[in-house]
Amino acid sequence: MLLSTSLITGLVLAAGLVGGATKLDTTHNAPVEDPDGNPNELSEKVDDWWTNHAQTGCTYRRLNESGVEEAKRLAGEWGASGKKVPFASWHVWTAGNVSIWICNCKKAMVRRAAQPVALEELDNVLRLIRVTCGGPQPASGWVWVGSWQKAFAVDHAAVWEGAYAYDRCPRNCVRPWGGSRSHD
């Protein structure tokens, strides 16, 4: 099984075990092309909250845009149905050759520790990865929100096929005995 060393390293960094993370700096990151044709202007603005509260890492694999959008739609529908990612667990959504997953690193064994999945969150995460990691085509990467104890990632499905939760999520994030492995 192929595991992305850069993604694992990135998620470990996100967990704060090693230190450091990619910061959004639009002057040093590849811009998303302007739909009017000016590649020097960002057409997507990352919300200030995300730039101040999230750490981002890039694994720089180019992704199929329709796969990203479909996986995002599946995740959004799953969350809109009232389902949540349980404490110390994860969930993955796959469409075509793209997977999106969320890791809930909260350890409390209480109902409120479950993490919701909101389409608006996913939009912001994917926008942050795209702006930080360079677009116009979506790229693989991860986002860690420490105050939520929540990690998001998007990558090629084949890279992670059959991987365990501890391979996909920050170190010491998920229970070793389980978690969600479904591909909704």
N, C-alpha and C. Protein backbone atom coordinates (compact mmCIF):
# COMPACT_ATOMS: atom_id res chain seq x y z
N MET A 1 0.85 -1.17 0.00
CA MET A 1 0.00 0.00 0.00
C MET A 1 0.90 1.24 0.00
N LEU A 2 0.57 2.18 -0.87
CA LEU A 2 1.31 3.43 -0.94
C LEU A 2 0.76 4.40 0.08
N LEU A 3 1.62 4.93 0.92
CA LEU A 3 1.21 5.96 1.87
C LEU A 3 2.00 7.22 1.55
N SER A 4 1.34 8.31 1.59
CA SER A 4 1.97 9.58 1.29
C SER A 4 2.73 10.07 2.51
N THR A 5 4.02 10.02 2.44
CA THR A 5 4.85 10.49 3.54
C THR A 5 4.59 11.96 3.81
N SER A 6 4.41 12.73 2.75
CA SER A 6 4.20 14.16 2.95
C SER A 6 2.87 14.44 3.64
N LEU A 7 1.82 13.65 3.34
CA LEU A 7 0.54 13.87 4.01
C LEU A 7 0.62 13.45 5.46
N ILE A 8 1.24 12.30 5.73
CA ILE A 8 1.37 11.86 7.12
C ILE A 8 2.18 12.88 7.91
N THR A 9 3.28 13.33 7.34
CA THR A 9 4.08 14.35 8.01
C THR A 9 3.26 15.61 8.24
N GLY A 10 2.50 16.00 7.24
CA GLY A 10 1.66 17.19 7.38
C GLY A 10 0.64 17.06 8.48
N LEU A 11 0.00 15.90 8.58
CA LEU A 11 -1.00 15.71 9.62
C LEU A 11 -0.35 15.66 11.00
N VAL A 12 0.84 15.10 11.08
CA VAL A 12 1.57 15.11 12.35
C VAL A 12 1.90 16.55 12.74
N LEU A 13 2.35 17.32 11.76
CA LEU A 13 2.62 18.73 12.04
C LEU A 13 1.37 19.44 12.52
N ALA A 14 0.26 19.11 11.89
CA ALA A 14 -1.00 19.75 12.26
C ALA A 14 -1.37 19.43 13.69
N ALA A 15 -1.04 18.25 14.14
CA ALA A 15 -1.35 17.87 15.51
C ALA A 15 -0.43 18.56 16.50
N GLY A 16 0.55 19.30 16.01
CA GLY A 16 1.43 20.05 16.89
C GLY A 16 2.53 19.21 17.50
N LEU A 17 2.74 18.01 16.98
CA LEU A 17 3.73 17.13 17.56
C LEU A 17 5.14 17.48 17.12
N VAL A 18 5.28 18.08 15.95
CA VAL A 18 6.59 18.43 15.44
C VAL A 18 6.75 19.94 15.38
N GLY A 19 5.68 20.64 15.03
CA GLY A 19 5.71 22.10 14.96
C GLY A 19 5.75 22.60 13.54
N GLY A 20 5.22 23.77 13.35
CA GLY A 20 5.23 24.40 12.05
C GLY A 20 4.06 24.00 11.19
N ALA A 21 3.68 24.85 10.29
CA ALA A 21 2.60 24.56 9.34
C ALA A 21 2.64 25.59 8.25
N THR A 22 2.02 25.27 7.15
CA THR A 22 1.93 26.21 6.04
C THR A 22 0.96 27.32 6.42
N LYS A 23 1.37 28.54 6.23
CA LYS A 23 0.49 29.67 6.49
C LYS A 23 0.06 30.26 5.15
N LEU A 24 -1.14 30.76 5.10
CA LEU A 24 -1.63 31.37 3.88
C LEU A 24 -0.92 32.70 3.67
N ASP A 25 -0.22 32.80 2.59
CA ASP A 25 0.46 34.03 2.20
C ASP A 25 0.28 34.15 0.70
N THR A 26 -0.71 34.89 0.28
CA THR A 26 -1.06 34.95 -1.14
C THR A 26 0.05 35.55 -2.00
N THR A 27 1.02 36.21 -1.39
CA THR A 27 2.12 36.76 -2.19
C THR A 27 3.15 35.69 -2.53
N HIS A 28 3.14 34.57 -1.81
CA HIS A 28 4.10 33.50 -2.06
C HIS A 28 3.46 32.19 -2.48
N ASN A 29 2.17 32.14 -2.63
CA ASN A 29 1.48 30.93 -3.06
C ASN A 29 0.86 31.17 -4.42
N ALA A 30 0.73 30.10 -5.17
CA ALA A 30 0.16 30.21 -6.51
C ALA A 30 -1.28 30.69 -6.42
N PRO A 31 -1.63 31.69 -7.23
CA PRO A 31 -3.00 32.21 -7.17
C PRO A 31 -3.98 31.33 -7.93
N VAL A 32 -5.23 31.41 -7.55
CA VAL A 32 -6.29 30.78 -8.32
C VAL A 32 -6.58 31.72 -9.48
N GLU A 33 -6.68 31.17 -10.67
CA GLU A 33 -6.87 32.02 -11.84
C GLU A 33 -8.18 32.79 -11.77
N ASP A 34 -8.10 34.03 -12.16
CA ASP A 34 -9.28 34.88 -12.26
C ASP A 34 -10.12 34.40 -13.44
N PRO A 35 -11.44 34.24 -13.27
CA PRO A 35 -12.25 33.77 -14.39
C PRO A 35 -12.22 34.71 -15.59
N ASP A 36 -11.85 35.97 -15.36
CA ASP A 36 -11.75 36.92 -16.47
C ASP A 36 -10.41 36.82 -17.18
N GLY A 37 -9.56 35.92 -16.73
CA GLY A 37 -8.32 35.69 -17.43
C GLY A 37 -7.08 36.30 -16.82
N ASN A 38 -7.17 37.01 -15.70
CA ASN A 38 -6.00 37.59 -15.08
C ASN A 38 -5.48 36.62 -14.01
N PRO A 39 -4.42 35.83 -14.31
CA PRO A 39 -3.93 34.84 -13.36
C PRO A 39 -3.24 35.45 -12.15
N ASN A 40 -3.03 36.75 -12.14
CA ASN A 40 -2.36 37.39 -11.02
C ASN A 40 -3.32 37.88 -9.94
N GLU A 41 -4.61 37.68 -10.14
CA GLU A 41 -5.59 38.09 -9.15
C GLU A 41 -6.30 36.87 -8.58
N LEU A 42 -6.47 36.86 -7.28
CA LEU A 42 -7.19 35.76 -6.64
C LEU A 42 -8.68 35.94 -6.88
N SER A 43 -9.31 34.89 -7.39
CA SER A 43 -10.75 34.96 -7.60
C SER A 43 -11.50 34.38 -6.40
N GLU A 44 -10.77 33.73 -5.51
CA GLU A 44 -11.39 33.17 -4.32
C GLU A 44 -10.77 33.83 -3.10
N LYS A 45 -11.62 34.31 -2.21
CA LYS A 45 -11.13 34.91 -0.98
C LYS A 45 -11.35 33.92 0.15
N VAL A 46 -10.30 33.69 0.91
CA VAL A 46 -10.40 32.82 2.08
C VAL A 46 -10.88 33.67 3.24
N ASP A 47 -11.91 33.20 3.92
CA ASP A 47 -12.47 33.90 5.07
C ASP A 47 -11.39 34.12 6.12
N ASP A 48 -11.36 35.31 6.72
CA ASP A 48 -10.35 35.65 7.72
C ASP A 48 -10.33 34.68 8.89
N TRP A 49 -11.49 34.18 9.29
CA TRP A 49 -11.52 33.24 10.41
C TRP A 49 -10.63 32.04 10.11
N TRP A 50 -10.75 31.52 8.89
CA TRP A 50 -9.97 30.33 8.50
C TRP A 50 -8.48 30.65 8.45
N THR A 51 -8.11 31.81 7.95
CA THR A 51 -6.69 32.15 7.88
C THR A 51 -6.10 32.32 9.27
N ASN A 52 -6.91 32.71 10.25
CA ASN A 52 -6.43 32.92 11.61
C ASN A 52 -6.49 31.67 12.49
N HIS A 53 -7.31 30.69 12.15
CA HIS A 53 -7.53 29.54 13.03
C HIS A 53 -7.12 28.20 12.44
N ALA A 54 -6.76 28.15 11.18
CA ALA A 54 -6.46 26.87 10.54
C ALA A 54 -5.01 26.80 10.08
N GLN A 55 -4.45 25.61 10.17
CA GLN A 55 -3.14 25.32 9.59
C GLN A 55 -3.39 24.48 8.35
N THR A 56 -2.61 24.70 7.32
CA THR A 56 -2.82 24.02 6.05
C THR A 56 -1.52 23.40 5.56
N GLY A 57 -1.64 22.23 4.99
CA GLY A 57 -0.49 21.56 4.38
C GLY A 57 -0.85 21.09 2.98
N CYS A 58 0.12 21.09 2.11
CA CYS A 58 -0.11 20.73 0.71
C CYS A 58 0.65 19.45 0.38
N THR A 59 0.00 18.55 -0.33
CA THR A 59 0.67 17.35 -0.83
C THR A 59 0.80 17.41 -2.34
N TYR A 60 0.25 18.43 -2.96
CA TYR A 60 0.47 18.81 -4.35
C TYR A 60 0.12 17.77 -5.41
N ARG A 61 -0.79 16.87 -5.12
CA ARG A 61 -1.28 15.98 -6.17
C ARG A 61 -2.49 16.64 -6.80
N ARG A 62 -2.52 16.74 -8.11
CA ARG A 62 -3.64 17.36 -8.81
C ARG A 62 -4.84 16.43 -8.77
N LEU A 63 -6.00 17.00 -8.51
CA LEU A 63 -7.23 16.22 -8.37
C LEU A 63 -8.23 16.57 -9.45
N ASN A 64 -9.10 15.64 -9.73
CA ASN A 64 -10.18 15.81 -10.69
C ASN A 64 -11.25 16.69 -10.05
N GLU A 65 -11.55 17.81 -10.66
CA GLU A 65 -12.51 18.77 -10.08
C GLU A 65 -13.89 18.15 -9.87
N SER A 66 -14.36 17.36 -10.82
CA SER A 66 -15.70 16.77 -10.66
C SER A 66 -15.70 15.76 -9.51
N GLY A 67 -14.60 15.04 -9.30
CA GLY A 67 -14.50 14.12 -8.17
C GLY A 67 -14.52 14.86 -6.84
N VAL A 68 -13.81 15.98 -6.77
CA VAL A 68 -13.80 16.79 -5.55
C VAL A 68 -15.21 17.31 -5.25
N GLU A 69 -15.87 17.84 -6.26
CA GLU A 69 -17.22 18.38 -6.06
C GLU A 69 -18.21 17.30 -5.65
N GLU A 70 -18.11 16.11 -6.26
CA GLU A 70 -19.02 15.02 -5.92
C GLU A 70 -18.77 14.50 -4.50
N ALA A 71 -17.50 14.34 -4.12
CA ALA A 71 -17.17 13.90 -2.76
C ALA A 71 -17.66 14.93 -1.74
N LYS A 72 -17.50 16.22 -2.08
CA LYS A 72 -17.98 17.29 -1.19
C LYS A 72 -19.50 17.22 -1.06
N ARG A 73 -20.18 16.98 -2.18
CA ARG A 73 -21.64 16.87 -2.15
C ARG A 73 -22.08 15.69 -1.27
N LEU A 74 -21.42 14.55 -1.40
CA LEU A 74 -21.74 13.38 -0.59
C LEU A 74 -21.55 13.67 0.90
N ALA A 75 -20.43 14.33 1.23
CA ALA A 75 -20.16 14.67 2.63
C ALA A 75 -21.20 15.66 3.15
N GLY A 76 -21.54 16.66 2.34
CA GLY A 76 -22.54 17.64 2.74
C GLY A 76 -23.90 17.02 2.98
N GLU A 77 -24.31 16.11 2.11
CA GLU A 77 -25.60 15.43 2.29
C GLU A 77 -25.58 14.56 3.54
N TRP A 78 -24.47 13.89 3.78
CA TRP A 78 -24.32 13.04 4.97
C TRP A 78 -24.49 13.90 6.22
N GLY A 79 -23.81 15.04 6.26
CA GLY A 79 -23.92 15.94 7.40
C GLY A 79 -25.29 16.57 7.53
N ALA A 80 -25.90 16.94 6.40
CA ALA A 80 -27.23 17.55 6.42
C ALA A 80 -28.30 16.59 6.93
N SER A 81 -28.02 15.29 6.84
CA SER A 81 -28.98 14.29 7.33
C SER A 81 -28.93 14.16 8.86
N GLY A 82 -28.03 14.91 9.49
CA GLY A 82 -27.93 14.90 10.95
C GLY A 82 -26.83 14.01 11.49
N LYS A 83 -26.13 13.31 10.62
CA LYS A 83 -25.04 12.44 11.06
C LYS A 83 -23.84 13.29 11.45
N LYS A 84 -23.04 12.76 12.41
CA LYS A 84 -21.84 13.45 12.87
C LYS A 84 -20.70 12.45 12.98
N VAL A 85 -19.47 12.95 12.92
CA VAL A 85 -18.29 12.11 13.10
C VAL A 85 -18.10 11.93 14.61
N PRO A 86 -18.17 10.69 15.12
CA PRO A 86 -18.05 10.45 16.56
C PRO A 86 -16.69 10.88 17.11
N PHE A 87 -16.59 11.00 18.44
CA PHE A 87 -15.33 11.37 19.07
C PHE A 87 -14.25 10.35 18.71
N ALA A 88 -13.01 10.82 18.62
CA ALA A 88 -11.84 9.97 18.34
C ALA A 88 -12.07 9.04 17.16
N SER A 89 -12.66 9.58 16.09
CA SER A 89 -13.01 8.77 14.94
C SER A 89 -12.84 9.57 13.66
N TRP A 90 -13.23 8.99 12.53
CA TRP A 90 -13.10 9.65 11.24
C TRP A 90 -14.15 9.11 10.29
N HIS A 91 -14.34 9.83 9.20
CA HIS A 91 -15.26 9.38 8.16
C HIS A 91 -14.71 9.83 6.81
N VAL A 92 -14.93 9.02 5.79
CA VAL A 92 -14.41 9.31 4.45
C VAL A 92 -15.54 9.22 3.43
N TRP A 93 -15.48 10.10 2.43
CA TRP A 93 -16.42 10.09 1.31
C TRP A 93 -15.59 10.02 0.04
N THR A 94 -15.93 9.11 -0.85
CA THR A 94 -15.17 8.93 -2.08
C THR A 94 -16.09 9.06 -3.28
N ALA A 95 -15.61 9.79 -4.28
CA ALA A 95 -16.32 9.93 -5.55
C ALA A 95 -15.28 9.83 -6.65
N GLY A 96 -15.45 8.87 -7.53
CA GLY A 96 -14.46 8.67 -8.59
C GLY A 96 -13.11 8.35 -7.97
N ASN A 97 -12.12 9.15 -8.30
CA ASN A 97 -10.77 8.89 -7.76
C ASN A 97 -10.38 9.87 -6.66
N VAL A 98 -11.36 10.52 -6.03
CA VAL A 98 -11.08 11.52 -4.99
C VAL A 98 -11.75 11.12 -3.68
N SER A 99 -11.01 11.25 -2.58
CA SER A 99 -11.57 11.04 -1.24
C SER A 99 -11.42 12.31 -0.42
N ILE A 100 -12.45 12.60 0.35
CA ILE A 100 -12.42 13.67 1.35
C ILE A 100 -12.67 12.98 2.68
N TRP A 101 -11.87 13.32 3.68
CA TRP A 101 -12.14 12.75 5.00
C TRP A 101 -11.98 13.78 6.09
N ILE A 102 -12.67 13.49 7.19
CA ILE A 102 -12.65 14.36 8.36
C ILE A 102 -12.28 13.50 9.56
N CYS A 103 -11.34 13.99 10.36
CA CYS A 103 -10.92 13.31 11.58
C CYS A 103 -11.38 14.14 12.77
N ASN A 104 -12.07 13.50 13.70
CA ASN A 104 -12.52 14.15 14.92
C ASN A 104 -11.57 13.73 16.03
N CYS A 105 -10.73 14.62 16.50
CA CYS A 105 -9.72 14.30 17.49
C CYS A 105 -10.17 14.58 18.92
N LYS A 106 -11.43 14.96 19.11
CA LYS A 106 -11.93 15.15 20.47
C LYS A 106 -11.96 13.80 21.17
N LYS A 107 -11.55 13.76 22.44
CA LYS A 107 -11.44 12.50 23.17
C LYS A 107 -12.58 12.24 24.15
N ALA A 108 -13.35 13.25 24.47
CA ALA A 108 -14.43 13.09 25.46
C ALA A 108 -15.47 12.09 24.96
N MET A 109 -15.85 11.17 25.82
CA MET A 109 -16.85 10.16 25.45
C MET A 109 -18.25 10.68 25.76
N VAL A 110 -18.56 11.82 25.18
CA VAL A 110 -19.88 12.41 25.37
C VAL A 110 -20.47 12.76 24.01
N ARG A 111 -21.77 12.82 23.96
CA ARG A 111 -22.47 13.06 22.70
C ARG A 111 -22.03 14.37 22.03
N ARG A 112 -21.79 15.40 22.82
CA ARG A 112 -21.44 16.70 22.25
C ARG A 112 -20.04 16.71 21.62
N ALA A 113 -19.25 15.67 21.83
CA ALA A 113 -17.92 15.59 21.23
C ALA A 113 -17.99 15.19 19.75
N ALA A 114 -19.15 14.74 19.30
CA ALA A 114 -19.31 14.39 17.88
C ALA A 114 -19.21 15.66 17.05
N GLN A 115 -18.56 15.56 15.89
CA GLN A 115 -18.34 16.71 15.02
C GLN A 115 -19.34 16.72 13.87
N PRO A 116 -20.01 17.84 13.65
CA PRO A 116 -20.91 17.94 12.49
C PRO A 116 -20.10 18.07 11.20
N VAL A 117 -20.76 17.80 10.10
CA VAL A 117 -20.17 17.98 8.78
C VAL A 117 -21.05 18.97 8.04
N ALA A 118 -20.52 20.17 7.81
CA ALA A 118 -21.31 21.23 7.18
C ALA A 118 -20.72 21.58 5.82
N LEU A 119 -21.60 21.74 4.84
CA LEU A 119 -21.17 22.07 3.49
C LEU A 119 -20.36 23.37 3.47
N GLU A 120 -20.76 24.35 4.26
CA GLU A 120 -20.02 25.62 4.31
C GLU A 120 -18.58 25.41 4.79
N GLU A 121 -18.40 24.53 5.80
CA GLU A 121 -17.06 24.20 6.27
C GLU A 121 -16.23 23.58 5.15
N LEU A 122 -16.83 22.62 4.46
CA LEU A 122 -16.12 21.94 3.37
C LEU A 122 -15.73 22.92 2.27
N ASP A 123 -16.63 23.83 1.93
CA ASP A 123 -16.32 24.85 0.93
C ASP A 123 -15.11 25.68 1.36
N ASN A 124 -15.09 26.10 2.63
CA ASN A 124 -13.98 26.90 3.14
C ASN A 124 -12.68 26.11 3.17
N VAL A 125 -12.74 24.85 3.57
CA VAL A 125 -11.55 24.00 3.61
C VAL A 125 -10.98 23.83 2.20
N LEU A 126 -11.83 23.48 1.25
CA LEU A 126 -11.36 23.27 -0.12
C LEU A 126 -10.83 24.56 -0.74
N ARG A 127 -11.46 25.68 -0.42
CA ARG A 127 -10.97 26.98 -0.91
C ARG A 127 -9.60 27.29 -0.31
N LEU A 128 -9.44 27.04 0.99
CA LEU A 128 -8.16 27.29 1.66
C LEU A 128 -7.06 26.42 1.06
N ILE A 129 -7.34 25.14 0.82
CA ILE A 129 -6.34 24.26 0.19
C ILE A 129 -6.02 24.74 -1.22
N ARG A 130 -7.04 25.12 -1.96
CA ARG A 130 -6.81 25.56 -3.35
C ARG A 130 -5.96 26.82 -3.39
N VAL A 131 -6.26 27.80 -2.56
CA VAL A 131 -5.51 29.06 -2.56
C VAL A 131 -4.10 28.85 -2.02
N THR A 132 -3.96 28.06 -0.97
CA THR A 132 -2.65 27.83 -0.36
C THR A 132 -1.77 26.95 -1.23
N CYS A 133 -2.36 25.91 -1.80
CA CYS A 133 -1.57 24.90 -2.53
C CYS A 133 -1.49 25.17 -4.02
N GLY A 134 -2.18 26.18 -4.48
CA GLY A 134 -2.08 26.56 -5.89
C GLY A 134 -3.18 25.96 -6.73
N GLY A 135 -3.80 26.76 -7.52
CA GLY A 135 -4.88 26.32 -8.40
C GLY A 135 -4.60 26.88 -9.76
N PRO A 136 -5.42 26.74 -10.70
CA PRO A 136 -6.86 26.60 -10.72
C PRO A 136 -7.38 25.18 -10.49
N GLN A 137 -6.60 24.16 -10.82
CA GLN A 137 -7.07 22.80 -10.61
C GLN A 137 -6.90 22.45 -9.14
N PRO A 138 -7.88 21.74 -8.54
CA PRO A 138 -7.77 21.37 -7.13
C PRO A 138 -6.53 20.51 -6.88
N ALA A 139 -5.92 20.71 -5.72
CA ALA A 139 -4.75 19.94 -5.31
C ALA A 139 -5.05 19.24 -3.99
N SER A 140 -4.29 18.20 -3.71
CA SER A 140 -4.47 17.48 -2.45
C SER A 140 -3.83 18.27 -1.31
N GLY A 141 -4.36 18.07 -0.12
CA GLY A 141 -3.82 18.74 1.04
C GLY A 141 -4.68 18.48 2.26
N TRP A 142 -4.35 19.16 3.35
CA TRP A 142 -5.08 18.97 4.60
C TRP A 142 -5.23 20.31 5.32
N VAL A 143 -6.19 20.35 6.22
CA VAL A 143 -6.43 21.53 7.06
C VAL A 143 -6.67 21.03 8.48
N TRP A 144 -6.03 21.68 9.45
CA TRP A 144 -6.20 21.35 10.86
C TRP A 144 -6.75 22.57 11.57
N VAL A 145 -7.86 22.40 12.30
CA VAL A 145 -8.43 23.48 13.11
C VAL A 145 -8.28 23.04 14.56
N GLY A 146 -7.24 23.55 15.21
CA GLY A 146 -6.90 23.14 16.57
C GLY A 146 -8.00 23.39 17.59
N SER A 147 -8.67 24.53 17.49
CA SER A 147 -9.72 24.85 18.46
C SER A 147 -10.90 23.89 18.35
N TRP A 148 -11.08 23.27 17.21
CA TRP A 148 -12.15 22.28 17.03
C TRP A 148 -11.65 20.85 17.22
N GLN A 149 -10.32 20.68 17.25
CA GLN A 149 -9.72 19.34 17.27
C GLN A 149 -10.23 18.53 16.08
N LYS A 150 -10.16 19.15 14.91
CA LYS A 150 -10.75 18.56 13.71
C LYS A 150 -9.80 18.73 12.53
N ALA A 151 -9.59 17.63 11.78
CA ALA A 151 -8.73 17.66 10.60
C ALA A 151 -9.56 17.31 9.37
N PHE A 152 -9.26 17.97 8.28
CA PHE A 152 -9.90 17.72 6.98
C PHE A 152 -8.78 17.38 6.00
N ALA A 153 -9.06 16.51 5.05
CA ALA A 153 -8.07 16.21 4.01
C ALA A 153 -8.77 15.82 2.73
N VAL A 154 -8.10 16.06 1.62
CA VAL A 154 -8.59 15.64 0.30
C VAL A 154 -7.38 15.09 -0.46
N ASP A 155 -7.59 13.94 -1.13
CA ASP A 155 -6.49 13.31 -1.84
C ASP A 155 -7.04 12.29 -2.83
N HIS A 156 -6.14 11.67 -3.60
CA HIS A 156 -6.54 10.60 -4.51
C HIS A 156 -7.01 9.41 -3.68
N ALA A 157 -8.12 8.83 -4.05
CA ALA A 157 -8.68 7.69 -3.31
C ALA A 157 -7.72 6.50 -3.30
N ALA A 158 -7.05 6.23 -4.40
CA ALA A 158 -6.18 5.05 -4.50
C ALA A 158 -5.00 5.11 -3.53
N VAL A 159 -4.54 6.31 -3.21
CA VAL A 159 -3.41 6.46 -2.30
C VAL A 159 -3.76 5.92 -0.92
N TRP A 160 -5.03 6.05 -0.54
CA TRP A 160 -5.45 5.72 0.81
C TRP A 160 -6.35 4.50 0.89
N GLU A 161 -6.59 3.81 -0.22
CA GLU A 161 -7.46 2.64 -0.22
C GLU A 161 -6.96 1.62 0.80
N GLY A 162 -7.83 1.22 1.71
CA GLY A 162 -7.49 0.22 2.72
C GLY A 162 -6.68 0.74 3.89
N ALA A 163 -6.38 2.03 3.93
CA ALA A 163 -5.58 2.59 5.03
C ALA A 163 -6.40 2.62 6.31
N TYR A 164 -5.73 2.48 7.41
CA TYR A 164 -6.37 2.57 8.72
C TYR A 164 -6.53 4.03 9.12
N ALA A 165 -7.38 4.26 10.09
CA ALA A 165 -7.64 5.62 10.55
C ALA A 165 -6.36 6.31 11.01
N TYR A 166 -5.49 5.59 11.71
CA TYR A 166 -4.27 6.23 12.20
C TYR A 166 -3.31 6.59 11.08
N ASP A 167 -3.52 6.06 9.87
CA ASP A 167 -2.73 6.48 8.72
C ASP A 167 -3.28 7.76 8.10
N ARG A 168 -4.56 8.00 8.25
CA ARG A 168 -5.23 9.14 7.62
C ARG A 168 -5.32 10.36 8.53
N CYS A 169 -5.30 10.16 9.83
CA CYS A 169 -5.56 11.24 10.78
C CYS A 169 -4.30 11.59 11.57
N PRO A 170 -4.30 12.76 12.23
CA PRO A 170 -3.16 13.14 13.06
C PRO A 170 -2.88 12.07 14.12
N ARG A 171 -1.63 11.97 14.50
CA ARG A 171 -1.21 10.98 15.49
C ARG A 171 -2.00 11.15 16.78
N ASN A 172 -2.37 10.03 17.37
CA ASN A 172 -3.13 9.98 18.63
C ASN A 172 -4.50 10.64 18.53
N CYS A 173 -5.03 10.74 17.33
CA CYS A 173 -6.32 11.38 17.13
C CYS A 173 -7.47 10.39 17.29
N VAL A 174 -7.38 9.27 16.63
CA VAL A 174 -8.51 8.33 16.58
C VAL A 174 -8.25 7.10 17.43
N ARG A 175 -9.35 6.46 17.81
CA ARG A 175 -9.26 5.21 18.57
C ARG A 175 -8.62 4.15 17.69
N PRO A 176 -7.74 3.34 18.25
CA PRO A 176 -7.12 2.29 17.44
C PRO A 176 -8.09 1.16 17.10
N TRP A 177 -9.20 1.09 17.81
CA TRP A 177 -10.12 -0.04 17.62
C TRP A 177 -11.26 0.25 16.66
N GLY A 178 -11.29 1.40 16.06
CA GLY A 178 -12.42 1.60 15.16
C GLY A 178 -12.44 2.94 14.49
N GLY A 179 -13.62 3.36 14.24
CA GLY A 179 -13.85 4.57 13.48
C GLY A 179 -14.63 4.20 12.25
N SER A 180 -15.03 5.17 11.52
CA SER A 180 -15.85 4.95 10.33
C SER A 180 -14.95 4.73 9.13
N ARG A 181 -15.21 3.70 8.36
CA ARG A 181 -14.41 3.43 7.17
C ARG A 181 -15.28 3.38 5.94
N SER A 182 -16.50 3.81 6.04
CA SER A 182 -17.41 3.68 4.91
C SER A 182 -17.08 4.68 3.82
N HIS A 183 -17.46 4.32 2.63
CA HIS A 183 -17.27 5.19 1.46
C HIS A 183 -18.65 5.56 0.96
N ASP A 184 -19.26 6.54 1.60
CA ASP A 184 -20.62 6.95 1.23
C ASP A 184 -20.65 7.57 -0.13
